[in-house]
Amino acid sequence: ALERGIKKSEAVLAADPKHAEAMVWLGTGIFYQSGIAFRNGDQAKGMELYGKSIELMKKAVSLDPQNIGVRIPRGAVLLSAARQMSPPLAAPLQDDGLSDYLTAYELQKNMLQEMSTHARGELLLGIADTYSRKGDNAKAEEFFTMVKTLLPANTPYAKSAAKWLETKQPLAPREAGCFGCHVGK
């Protein structure tokens, strides 16, 4: 699936080199490949792919900064990866991912109730969790409270929010998002 996605993104970009959504998806695929290289011990290849992926995703956002179809894929990948990294390595990914999610929030805040539980939960929990990891507990509390208020109590989103609101401690990565999607299982 990864290879098919990369090939499809490359084909779209061959026809339209400024297609921001294809560019961000290509960037996320290459980002994933960089992780494979790092896990296999090939640091040089990992760094090469990592740099290429970050530049592609950055360019995609610069081409179409108000496009949720660009901001959410980049934000999701960066925030998910940052949860597994040490704070100094995570910080730039958190900054860009948070910017992506906050942009998406601003574009959609008047229609949160119309969004699916998954879309609403991933967005709000992603913002809340990132503020928590960055040490901004006031902003984290604001968004964790929204999660608890706007999502059904039986969802993993509301359960994670309740846990954070009780402990005020960063959540374990498995509690911080990607519920019900490709990496949540």
Foldseek 3Di string as FASTA:
>chain_A
DLVVLLVVLVVVCVVPVLQLLSLLSNLLSLLVVLVVCVVVVNPVSSVVSPVSSVVSLVSSCVSPVLDLSSLVSLLVSLLLVLLVDDVVVSVVSLVSSLSSLVSVCVVCVVPLLVDDLQVSLQSLLSNLLSCLVVPNLVSNLVSLVCQLVRHDCPDLSNVLSVVCVVVVHRDRSLSRHPDPDDPND
